[in-house]
Amino acid sequence: MKKTNLLLIALFGLASMLHAEVLFTEDFDYASGTSLTSHNDWFLQWGGASNMLAVEPGLEFAGYPGSGIGNALLIEGDYSNDMPHHVFPQVTSGDVYVAVLMEPTFVTKNGYFLTLRDEHADNTAYNYCGRVYAGVDDDYNNVVGLRFFKKAEAVFDETVHLESDKTYLLVLRYHIVDGANNDEVSLYLFDQMPTAMSDKPLIGPLTDPQAPDINPAHVVFHSYDDDGFLTVDGLRVATTFEDAVGIEAQGWLSTSSTEQPAKQLHHGQLRIIRNNTIYTPLGQISY
């Protein structure tokens, strides 16, 4: 009876996980030196080609689904206000999580490099909310920040100093709240693969009663510093933290189908493959 109950719990967890939604992924698997807007339906709001280029090699972050796949994207500030967009299915309730690998290669001033946007496309009414910042503190240590919109000031965390040649996992959460002018954004930062969503984000939740709420429908990169540049990779947009980051969800452990776990699985163990990911019931891994 216990085995039957455990199997039902595991299968229920898998069913819940399969209903979670990955909205968009981008591993920048393009030839080095090519413009982002020449690939995969990326576009500039005002037309033309982006000066953000694919560069090699791609960033690596052990355990993350987007680690070491293809190349990376260089956000170079020589082209200020370069903002390539990509559409994903509009979300009207719950959460949107944006996970991305980031290496603060040469950051010299504060500015946002990633944001969400609503679906409006009339060139007047669209809004960029959930702006993720890279910057420096008074001692020129690399730090990250967050801002809801363009009204309130950006909030920086100066307790964590980023190394310029190290890869970090950033996760932006946009939380849709019933009512008007009260949605929330939060930022999570990891230097190794998380096993679960943290109870407390690094920054947030932030809200701004002067700012519009949005139904997120675009992910946008943004260049801002004429003298600096940073590298990003492994972009994933999803409706749950687990799907965005690719970690255990509802009692299942995910590992890349192209990489075996450090410890081998039991022979004959139940495994389910979805989107090139192997899902295994927790407790069935042989250590």
C-alpha atoms as a PDB file:
ATOM      1  CA  MET A   1       0.000   0.000   0.000  1.00  0.00           C
ATOM      2  CA  LYS A   2       2.808   2.393   0.853  1.00  0.00           C
ATOM      3  CA  LYS A   3       4.499   1.759  -2.493  1.00  0.00           C
ATOM      4  CA  THR A   4       1.206   2.383  -4.287  1.00  0.00           C
ATOM      5  CA  ASN A   5       0.675   5.654  -2.441  1.00  0.00           C
ATOM      6  CA  LEU A   6       4.223   6.803  -3.173  1.00  0.00           C
ATOM      7  CA  LEU A   7       3.776   6.017  -6.850  1.00  0.00           C
ATOM      8  CA  LEU A   8       0.493   7.962  -6.939  1.00  0.00           C
ATOM      9  CA  ILE A   9       2.163  10.927  -5.254  1.00  0.00           C
ATOM     10  CA  ALA A  10       5.030  10.794  -7.745  1.00  0.00           C
ATOM     11  CA  LEU A  11       2.675  10.549 -10.714  1.00  0.00           C
ATOM     12  CA  PHE A  12       0.552  13.416  -9.350  1.00  0.00           C
ATOM     13  CA  GLY A  13       3.685  15.484  -9.007  1.00  0.00           C
ATOM     14  CA  LEU A  14       4.679  14.669 -12.572  1.00  0.00           C
ATOM     15  CA  ALA A  15       1.228  15.641 -13.837  1.00  0.00           C
ATOM     16  CA  SER A  16       1.495  18.999 -12.038  1.00  0.00           C
ATOM     17  CA  MET A  17       4.975  19.520 -13.448  1.00  0.00           C
ATOM     18  CA  LEU A  18       3.866  18.744 -17.005  1.00  0.00           C
ATOM     19  CA  HIS A  19       1.157  21.420 -16.721  1.00  0.00           C
ATOM     20  CA  ALA A  20       3.691  24.059 -15.728  1.00  0.00           C
ATOM     21  CA  GLU A  21       4.698  26.077 -18.739  1.00  0.00           C
ATOM     22  CA  VAL A  22       8.051  27.004 -20.223  1.00  0.00           C
ATOM     23  CA  LEU A  23       7.235  30.035 -22.364  1.00  0.00           C
ATOM     24  CA  PHE A  24      10.543  30.651 -24.128  1.00  0.00           C
ATOM     25  CA  THR A  25      14.160  29.489 -24.125  1.00  0.00           C
ATOM     26  CA  GLU A  26      17.214  30.961 -25.843  1.00  0.00           C
ATOM     27  CA  ASP A  27      20.728  29.495 -25.831  1.00  0.00           C
ATOM     28  CA  PHE A  28      22.195  31.842 -28.515  1.00  0.00           C
ATOM     29  CA  ASP A  29      23.306  28.889 -30.621  1.00  0.00           C
ATOM     30  CA  TYR A  30      24.285  31.157 -33.508  1.00  0.00           C
ATOM     31  CA  ALA A  31      27.499  31.892 -35.354  1.00  0.00           C
ATOM     32  CA  SER A  32      29.782  34.195 -33.393  1.00  0.00           C
ATOM     33  CA  GLY A  33      29.624  37.793 -34.589  1.00  0.00           C
ATOM     34  CA  THR A  34      26.062  37.642 -35.939  1.00  0.00           C
ATOM     35  CA  SER A  35      23.353  40.069 -34.823  1.00  0.00           C
ATOM     36  CA  LEU A  36      20.738  38.757 -32.412  1.00  0.00           C
ATOM     37  CA  THR A  37      17.914  40.181 -34.549  1.00  0.00           C
ATOM     38  CA  SER A  38      18.974  38.009 -37.477  1.00  0.00           C
ATOM     39  CA  HIS A  39      17.870  34.926 -35.517  1.00  0.00           C
ATOM     40  CA  ASN A  40      14.811  33.345 -33.931  1.00  0.00           C
ATOM     41  CA  ASP A  41      12.337  36.240 -34.380  1.00  0.00           C
ATOM     42  CA  TRP A  42      14.209  38.745 -32.189  1.00  0.00           C
ATOM     43  CA  PHE A  43      13.342  42.306 -33.244  1.00  0.00           C
ATOM     44  CA  LEU A  44      13.881  45.969 -32.390  1.00  0.00           C
ATOM     45  CA  GLN A  45      10.763  47.971 -31.560  1.00  0.00           C
ATOM     46  CA  TRP A  46      11.704  50.596 -34.131  1.00  0.00           C
ATOM     47  CA  GLY A  47      12.996  48.164 -36.744  1.00  0.00           C
ATOM     48  CA  GLY A  48      16.511  47.583 -38.064  1.00  0.00           C
ATOM     49  CA  ALA A  49      19.259  45.309 -36.753  1.00  0.00           C
ATOM     50  CA  SER A  50      20.530  45.020 -33.198  1.00  0.00           C
ATOM     51  CA  ASN A  51      24.200  45.574 -32.434  1.00  0.00           C
ATOM     52  CA  MET A  52      24.082  42.844 -29.780  1.00  0.00           C
ATOM     53  CA  LEU A  53      26.115  39.960 -31.185  1.00  0.00           C
ATOM     54  CA  ALA A  54      26.498  36.265 -30.490  1.00  0.00           C
ATOM     55  CA  VAL A  55      29.954  35.605 -29.016  1.00  0.00           C
ATOM     56  CA  GLU A  56      31.855  32.475 -28.114  1.00  0.00           C
ATOM     57  CA  PRO A  57      32.095  30.566 -25.931  1.00  0.00           C
ATOM     58  CA  GLY A  58      28.769  30.120 -24.178  1.00  0.00           C
ATOM     59  CA  LEU A  59      28.561  30.509 -20.400  1.00  0.00           C
ATOM     60  CA  GLU A  60      28.645  27.466 -18.126  1.00  0.00           C
ATOM     61  CA  PHE A  61      26.819  26.930 -14.844  1.00  0.00           C
ATOM     62  CA  ALA A  62      26.827  23.394 -13.489  1.00  0.00           C
ATOM     63  CA  GLY A  63      23.377  21.806 -13.387  1.00  0.00           C
ATOM     64  CA  TYR A  64      21.570  24.538 -15.325  1.00  0.00           C
ATOM     65  CA  PRO A  65      19.731  23.413 -18.503  1.00  0.00           C
ATOM     66  CA  GLY A  66      21.157  26.273 -20.595  1.00  0.00           C
ATOM     67  CA  SER A  67      24.767  25.731 -19.509  1.00  0.00           C
ATOM     68  CA  GLY A  68      27.383  25.334 -22.236  1.00  0.00           C
ATOM     69  CA  ILE A  69      24.902  25.190 -25.128  1.00  0.00           C
ATOM     70  CA  GLY A  70      25.778  27.202 -28.209  1.00  0.00           C
ATOM     71  CA  ASN A  71      27.330  30.632 -27.720  1.00  0.00           C
ATOM     72  CA  ALA A  72      26.407  33.654 -25.574  1.00  0.00           C
ATOM     73  CA  LEU A  73      25.160  37.218 -26.139  1.00  0.00           C
ATOM     74  CA  LEU A  74      27.357  40.272 -25.649  1.00  0.00           C
ATOM     75  CA  ILE A  75      25.487  43.341 -24.404  1.00  0.00           C
ATOM     76  CA  GLU A  76      27.807  46.104 -25.538  1.00  0.00           C
ATOM     77  CA  GLY A  77      27.103  49.640 -24.435  1.00  0.00           C
ATOM     78  CA  ASP A  78      28.620  51.407 -27.436  1.00  0.00           C
ATOM     79  CA  TYR A  79      25.127  51.299 -28.876  1.00  0.00           C
ATOM     80  CA  SER A  80      23.029  52.923 -26.176  1.00  0.00           C
ATOM     81  CA  ASN A  81      19.357  51.983 -25.932  1.00  0.00           C
ATOM     82  CA  ASP A  82      19.701  48.955 -28.206  1.00  0.00           C
ATOM     83  CA  MET A  83      16.673  46.871 -27.124  1.00  0.00           C
ATOM     84  CA  PRO A  84      16.071  43.540 -28.877  1.00  0.00           C
ATOM     85  CA  HIS A  85      12.665  42.032 -28.003  1.00  0.00           C
ATOM     86  CA  HIS A  86      11.226  38.541 -28.162  1.00  0.00           C
ATOM     87  CA  VAL A  87       7.543  37.657 -27.806  1.00  0.00           C
ATOM     88  CA  PHE A  88       6.264  34.883 -25.543  1.00  0.00           C
ATOM     89  CA  PRO A  89       2.641  33.899 -24.756  1.00  0.00           C
ATOM     90  CA  GLN A  90       1.039  36.645 -22.677  1.00  0.00           C
ATOM     91  CA  VAL A  91       0.569  35.852 -18.979  1.00  0.00           C
ATOM     92  CA  THR A  92      -2.460  37.416 -17.295  1.00  0.00           C
ATOM     93  CA  SER A  93      -2.333  35.875 -13.816  1.00  0.00           C
ATOM     94  CA  GLY A  94       0.140  34.248 -11.451  1.00  0.00           C
ATOM     95  CA  ASP A  95       3.872  34.613 -12.071  1.00  0.00           C
ATOM     96  CA  VAL A  96       6.459  34.992 -14.782  1.00  0.00           C
ATOM     97  CA  TYR A  97      10.031  33.909 -14.011  1.00  0.00           C
ATOM     98  CA  VAL A  98      12.971  34.911 -16.192  1.00  0.00           C
ATOM     99  CA  ALA A  99      16.192  32.990 -15.571  1.00  0.00           C
ATOM    100  CA  VAL A 100      19.438  34.014 -17.247  1.00  0.00           C
ATOM    101  CA  LEU A 101      23.152  33.384 -16.846  1.00  0.00           C
ATOM    102  CA  MET A 102      25.200  36.570 -16.521  1.00  0.00           C
ATOM    103  CA  GLU A 103      28.900  37.379 -16.370  1.00  0.00           C
ATOM    104  CA  PRO A 104      29.615  41.041 -15.449  1.00  0.00           C
ATOM    105  CA  THR A 105      32.607  41.196 -17.760  1.00  0.00           C
ATOM    106  CA  PHE A 106      33.269  44.942 -17.601  1.00  0.00           C
ATOM    107  CA  VAL A 107      30.573  46.940 -15.797  1.00  0.00           C
ATOM    108  CA  THR A 108      31.448  50.562 -15.059  1.00  0.00           C
ATOM    109  CA  LYS A 109      28.124  52.230 -14.225  1.00  0.00           C
ATOM    110  CA  ASN A 110      24.551  51.414 -13.269  1.00  0.00           C
ATOM    111  CA  GLY A 111      21.927  50.487 -15.820  1.00  0.00           C
ATOM    112  CA  TYR A 112      19.344  47.865 -16.628  1.00  0.00           C
ATOM    113  CA  PHE A 113      20.138  45.108 -19.114  1.00  0.00           C
ATOM    114  CA  LEU A 114      17.006  42.930 -18.916  1.00  0.00           C
ATOM    115  CA  THR A 115      13.298  43.661 -18.549  1.00  0.00           C
ATOM    116  CA  LEU A 116       9.801  42.422 -19.299  1.00  0.00           C
ATOM    117  CA  ARG A 117       7.303  44.267 -21.466  1.00  0.00           C
ATOM    118  CA  ASP A 118       3.572  44.123 -22.119  1.00  0.00           C
ATOM    119  CA  GLU A 119       2.040  43.175 -25.468  1.00  0.00           C
ATOM    120  CA  HIS A 120       1.080  46.659 -26.656  1.00  0.00           C
ATOM    121  CA  ALA A 121       2.610  47.459 -30.014  1.00  0.00           C
ATOM    122  CA  ASP A 122       1.239  50.877 -30.966  1.00  0.00           C
ATOM    123  CA  ASN A 123       4.574  52.590 -30.165  1.00  0.00           C
ATOM    124  CA  THR A 124       2.987  54.696 -27.432  1.00  0.00           C
ATOM    125  CA  ALA A 125       1.451  52.530 -24.711  1.00  0.00           C
ATOM    126  CA  TYR A 126       3.902  49.713 -24.070  1.00  0.00           C
ATOM    127  CA  ASN A 127       5.590  49.508 -20.675  1.00  0.00           C
ATOM    128  CA  TYR A 128       8.895  48.007 -19.515  1.00  0.00           C
ATOM    129  CA  CYS A 129       8.496  46.603 -16.002  1.00  0.00           C
ATOM    130  CA  GLY A 130      10.815  44.431 -13.929  1.00  0.00           C
ATOM    131  CA  ARG A 131      14.140  46.025 -14.873  1.00  0.00           C
ATOM    132  CA  VAL A 132      17.225  44.052 -13.822  1.00  0.00           C
ATOM    133  CA  TYR A 133      20.328  46.187 -13.237  1.00  0.00           C
ATOM    134  CA  ALA A 134      24.059  45.646 -13.256  1.00  0.00           C
ATOM    135  CA  GLY A 135      26.202  48.305 -11.652  1.00  0.00           C
ATOM    136  CA  VAL A 136      28.950  49.311  -9.267  1.00  0.00           C
ATOM    137  CA  ASP A 137      28.958  50.560  -5.683  1.00  0.00           C
ATOM    138  CA  ASP A 138      31.036  53.484  -4.365  1.00  0.00           C
ATOM    139  CA  ASP A 139      34.118  51.228  -4.262  1.00  0.00           C
ATOM    140  CA  TYR A 140      33.498  49.978  -7.827  1.00  0.00           C
ATOM    141  CA  ASN A 141      32.440  46.511  -6.739  1.00  0.00           C
ATOM    142  CA  ASN A 142      30.036  44.856  -9.187  1.00  0.00           C
ATOM    143  CA  VAL A 143      26.481  44.641  -7.815  1.00  0.00           C
ATOM    144  CA  VAL A 144      22.999  43.880  -9.120  1.00  0.00           C
ATOM    145  CA  GLY A 145      19.806  45.882  -8.772  1.00  0.00           C
ATOM    146  CA  LEU A 146      16.104  45.939  -9.559  1.00  0.00           C
ATOM    147  CA  ARG A 147      13.499  48.527 -10.428  1.00  0.00           C
ATOM    148  CA  PHE A 148       9.789  48.098 -11.072  1.00  0.00           C
ATOM    149  CA  PHE A 149       9.332  50.803 -13.709  1.00  0.00           C
ATOM    150  CA  LYS A 150      10.878  54.220 -14.317  1.00  0.00           C
ATOM    151  CA  LYS A 151       9.299  56.145 -11.439  1.00  0.00           C
ATOM    152  CA  ALA A 152      10.917  54.860  -8.246  1.00  0.00           C
ATOM    153  CA  GLU A 153      14.697  54.558  -7.919  1.00  0.00           C
ATOM    154  CA  ALA A 154      16.433  51.261  -8.610  1.00  0.00           C
ATOM    155  CA  VAL A 155      17.263  49.208  -5.511  1.00  0.00           C
ATOM    156  CA  PHE A 156      20.772  47.698  -5.411  1.00  0.00           C
ATOM    157  CA  ASP A 157      22.045  44.974  -3.106  1.00  0.00           C
ATOM    158  CA  GLU A 158      25.562  45.956  -2.012  1.00  0.00           C
ATOM    159  CA  THR A 159      26.133  42.975   0.282  1.00  0.00           C
ATOM    160  CA  VAL A 160      27.000  40.647  -2.622  1.00  0.00           C
ATOM    161  CA  HIS A 161      29.942  41.634  -4.817  1.00  0.00           C
ATOM    162  CA  LEU A 162      30.121  39.938  -8.205  1.00  0.00           C
ATOM    163  CA  GLU A 163      33.378  38.768  -9.770  1.00  0.00           C
ATOM    164  CA  SER A 164      33.850  40.033 -13.315  1.00  0.00           C
ATOM    165  CA  ASP A 165      34.877  36.662 -14.760  1.00  0.00           C
ATOM    166  CA  LYS A 166      32.393  34.485 -12.865  1.00  0.00           C
ATOM    167  CA  THR A 167      29.035  33.257 -14.142  1.00  0.00           C
ATOM    168  CA  TYR A 168      25.925  33.863 -12.014  1.00  0.00           C
ATOM    169  CA  LEU A 169      22.327  32.729 -12.325  1.00  0.00           C
ATOM    170  CA  LEU A 170      19.812  35.566 -12.032  1.00  0.00           C
ATOM    171  CA  VAL A 171      16.067  34.975 -11.720  1.00  0.00           C
ATOM    172  CA  LEU A 172      13.516  37.768 -12.100  1.00  0.00           C
ATOM    173  CA  ARG A 173      10.030  37.143 -10.743  1.00  0.00           C
ATOM    174  CA  TYR A 174       7.066  39.227 -11.895  1.00  0.00           C
ATOM    175  CA  HIS A 175       4.058  38.558  -9.657  1.00  0.00           C
ATOM    176  CA  ILE A 176       0.622  39.631 -10.883  1.00  0.00           C
ATOM    177  CA  VAL A 177      -1.573  40.826  -8.003  1.00  0.00           C
ATOM    178  CA  ASP A 178      -5.328  41.403  -8.217  1.00  0.00           C
ATOM    179  CA  GLY A 179      -6.147  45.098  -8.388  1.00  0.00           C
ATOM    180  CA  ALA A 180      -4.393  48.047 -10.011  1.00  0.00           C
ATOM    181  CA  ASN A 181      -0.865  49.442  -9.639  1.00  0.00           C
ATOM    182  CA  ASN A 182       0.242  46.781  -7.170  1.00  0.00           C
ATOM    183  CA  ASP A 183       2.125  44.051  -9.072  1.00  0.00           C
ATOM    184  CA  GLU A 184       5.456  42.965  -7.569  1.00  0.00           C
ATOM    185  CA  VAL A 185       8.942  42.154  -8.835  1.00  0.00           C
ATOM    186  CA  SER A 186      11.733  40.282  -7.059  1.00  0.00           C
ATOM    187  CA  LEU A 187      15.281  39.285  -7.940  1.00  0.00           C
ATOM    188  CA  TYR A 188      17.157  36.121  -6.971  1.00  0.00           C
ATOM    189  CA  LEU A 189      20.901  35.582  -7.421  1.00  0.00           C
ATOM    190  CA  PHE A 190      22.800  32.275  -7.302  1.00  0.00           C
ATOM    191  CA  ASP A 191      26.469  31.365  -7.675  1.00  0.00           C
ATOM    192  CA  GLN A 192      25.660  27.654  -7.775  1.00  0.00           C
ATOM    193  CA  MET A 193      22.643  25.661  -8.899  1.00  0.00           C
ATOM    194  CA  PRO A 194      19.776  26.068  -6.405  1.00  0.00           C
ATOM    195  CA  THR A 195      17.768  23.133  -5.109  1.00  0.00           C
ATOM    196  CA  ALA A 196      14.676  25.234  -4.424  1.00  0.00           C
ATOM    197  CA  MET A 197      13.376  28.768  -4.621  1.00  0.00           C
ATOM    198  CA  SER A 198      14.649  30.880  -1.734  1.00  0.00           C
ATOM    199  CA  ASP A 199      12.138  32.021   0.871  1.00  0.00           C
ATOM    200  CA  LYS A 200      13.572  35.530   0.632  1.00  0.00           C
ATOM    201  CA  PRO A 201      14.770  37.097  -2.636  1.00  0.00           C
ATOM    202  CA  LEU A 202      17.976  39.102  -2.806  1.00  0.00           C
ATOM    203  CA  ILE A 203      15.915  42.183  -3.699  1.00  0.00           C
ATOM    204  CA  GLY A 204      12.175  42.691  -3.325  1.00  0.00           C
ATOM    205  CA  PRO A 205       9.406  42.232  -3.617  1.00  0.00           C
ATOM    206  CA  LEU A 206       9.184  45.750  -5.032  1.00  0.00           C
ATOM    207  CA  THR A 207       6.063  47.536  -6.187  1.00  0.00           C
ATOM    208  CA  ASP A 208       5.324  51.054  -7.381  1.00  0.00           C
ATOM    209  CA  PRO A 209       1.853  52.616  -7.000  1.00  0.00           C
ATOM    210  CA  GLN A 210       2.816  55.208  -9.619  1.00  0.00           C
ATOM    211  CA  ALA A 211       3.658  52.537 -12.197  1.00  0.00           C
ATOM    212  CA  PRO A 212       1.389  50.525 -14.491  1.00  0.00           C
ATOM    213  CA  ASP A 213       0.791  46.831 -13.998  1.00  0.00           C
ATOM    214  CA  ILE A 214       1.462  44.694 -17.054  1.00  0.00           C
ATOM    215  CA  ASN A 215       0.550  41.327 -18.487  1.00  0.00           C
ATOM    216  CA  PRO A 216       4.072  40.225 -19.498  1.00  0.00           C
ATOM    217  CA  ALA A 217       4.396  39.248 -23.149  1.00  0.00           C
ATOM    218  CA  HIS A 218       7.959  40.204 -24.180  1.00  0.00           C
ATOM    219  CA  VAL A 219      11.448  39.678 -22.800  1.00  0.00           C
ATOM    220  CA  VAL A 220      13.855  42.491 -23.673  1.00  0.00           C
ATOM    221  CA  PHE A 221      17.610  43.068 -23.432  1.00  0.00           C
ATOM    222  CA  HIS A 222      18.907  46.632 -23.086  1.00  0.00           C
ATOM    223  CA  SER A 223      22.335  48.216 -23.560  1.00  0.00           C
ATOM    224  CA  TYR A 224      23.105  51.304 -21.517  1.00  0.00           C
ATOM    225  CA  ASP A 225      26.842  51.896 -20.916  1.00  0.00           C
ATOM    226  CA  ASP A 226      29.098  53.411 -23.601  1.00  0.00           C
ATOM    227  CA  ASP A 227      32.197  52.068 -21.847  1.00  0.00           C
ATOM    228  CA  GLY A 228      31.049  48.708 -20.505  1.00  0.00           C
ATOM    229  CA  PHE A 229      29.727  45.356 -21.578  1.00  0.00           C
ATOM    230  CA  LEU A 230      28.468  42.143 -20.026  1.00  0.00           C
ATOM    231  CA  THR A 231      27.699  38.637 -21.263  1.00  0.00           C
ATOM    232  CA  VAL A 232      24.436  36.702 -20.902  1.00  0.00           C
ATOM    233  CA  ASP A 233      23.340  33.202 -21.849  1.00  0.00           C
ATOM    234  CA  GLY A 234      20.796  30.471 -21.140  1.00  0.00           C
ATOM    235  CA  LEU A 235      17.638  32.599 -21.127  1.00  0.00           C
ATOM    236  CA  ARG A 236      14.533  30.751 -19.871  1.00  0.00           C
ATOM    237  CA  VAL A 237      11.032  32.229 -19.340  1.00  0.00           C
ATOM    238  CA  ALA A 238       8.446  30.161 -17.468  1.00  0.00           C
ATOM    239  CA  THR A 239       5.455  30.367 -15.160  1.00  0.00           C
ATOM    240  CA  THR A 240       7.193  28.559 -12.263  1.00  0.00           C
ATOM    241  CA  PHE A 241      10.580  28.956 -10.648  1.00  0.00           C
ATOM    242  CA  GLU A 242      11.268  25.244 -11.098  1.00  0.00           C
ATOM    243  CA  ASP A 243      10.639  25.306 -14.850  1.00  0.00           C
ATOM    244  CA  ALA A 244      12.600  28.515 -15.329  1.00  0.00           C
ATOM    245  CA  VAL A 245      15.641  27.182 -13.500  1.00  0.00           C
ATOM    246  CA  GLY A 246      15.195  23.507 -14.379  1.00  0.00           C
ATOM    247  CA  ILE A 247      15.398  22.045 -10.889  1.00  0.00           C
ATOM    248  CA  GLU A 248      13.335  19.518  -8.967  1.00  0.00           C
ATOM    249  CA  ALA A 249       9.627  20.146  -9.235  1.00  0.00           C
ATOM    250  CA  GLN A 250       6.822  18.496  -7.326  1.00  0.00           C
ATOM    251  CA  GLY A 251       8.948  15.617  -6.106  1.00  0.00           C
ATOM    252  CA  TRP A 252      10.943  15.021  -9.322  1.00  0.00           C
ATOM    253  CA  LEU A 253      14.606  15.640  -9.983  1.00  0.00           C
ATOM    254  CA  SER A 254      15.636  16.957 -13.416  1.00  0.00           C
ATOM    255  CA  THR A 255      18.991  16.475 -15.093  1.00  0.00           C
ATOM    256  CA  SER A 256      20.117  17.343 -18.595  1.00  0.00           C
ATOM    257  CA  SER A 257      19.593  14.466 -20.994  1.00  0.00           C
ATOM    258  CA  THR A 258      23.044  15.123 -22.424  1.00  0.00           C
ATOM    259  CA  GLU A 259      24.770  14.860 -19.043  1.00  0.00           C
ATOM    260  CA  GLN A 260      24.626  11.930 -16.644  1.00  0.00           C
ATOM    261  CA  PRO A 261      24.299  12.614 -12.901  1.00  0.00           C
ATOM    262  CA  ALA A 262      27.503  12.286 -10.918  1.00  0.00           C
ATOM    263  CA  LYS A 263      26.027   9.150  -9.345  1.00  0.00           C
ATOM    264  CA  GLN A 264      24.362   6.607 -11.627  1.00  0.00           C
ATOM    265  CA  LEU A 265      20.656   5.778 -11.418  1.00  0.00           C
ATOM    266  CA  HIS A 266      19.368   2.336 -10.402  1.00  0.00           C
ATOM    267  CA  HIS A 267      18.899  -0.021 -13.324  1.00  0.00           C
ATOM    268  CA  GLY A 268      15.266  -0.048 -14.425  1.00  0.00           C
ATOM    269  CA  GLN A 269      14.410   3.169 -12.597  1.00  0.00           C
ATOM    270  CA  LEU A 270      11.353   5.049 -13.854  1.00  0.00           C
ATOM    271  CA  ARG A 271      12.412   8.018 -15.989  1.00  0.00           C
ATOM    272  CA  ILE A 272      10.325  10.444 -18.042  1.00  0.00           C
ATOM    273  CA  ILE A 273      11.843  12.671 -20.730  1.00  0.00           C
ATOM    274  CA  ARG A 274      10.281  16.064 -21.494  1.00  0.00           C
ATOM    275  CA  ASN A 275      11.920  18.815 -23.539  1.00  0.00           C
ATOM    276  CA  ASN A 276      15.263  16.986 -23.531  1.00  0.00           C
ATOM    277  CA  THR A 277      15.144  16.694 -19.733  1.00  0.00           C
ATOM    278  CA  ILE A 278      15.058  13.480 -17.721  1.00  0.00           C
ATOM    279  CA  TYR A 279      12.704  13.495 -14.724  1.00  0.00           C
ATOM    280  CA  THR A 280      13.219  10.896 -11.989  1.00  0.00           C
ATOM    281  CA  PRO A 281      11.227  10.303  -8.771  1.00  0.00           C
ATOM    282  CA  LEU A 282      13.191  11.575  -5.798  1.00  0.00           C
ATOM    283  CA  GLY A 283      14.542   8.848  -3.580  1.00  0.00           C
ATOM    284  CA  GLN A 284      15.453   6.524  -6.434  1.00  0.00           C
ATOM    285  CA  ILE A 285      18.962   7.816  -7.041  1.00  0.00           C
ATOM    286  CA  SER A 286      21.767   5.512  -5.947  1.00  0.00           C
ATOM    287  CA  TYR A 287      24.509   7.314  -4.031  1.00  0.00           C
END
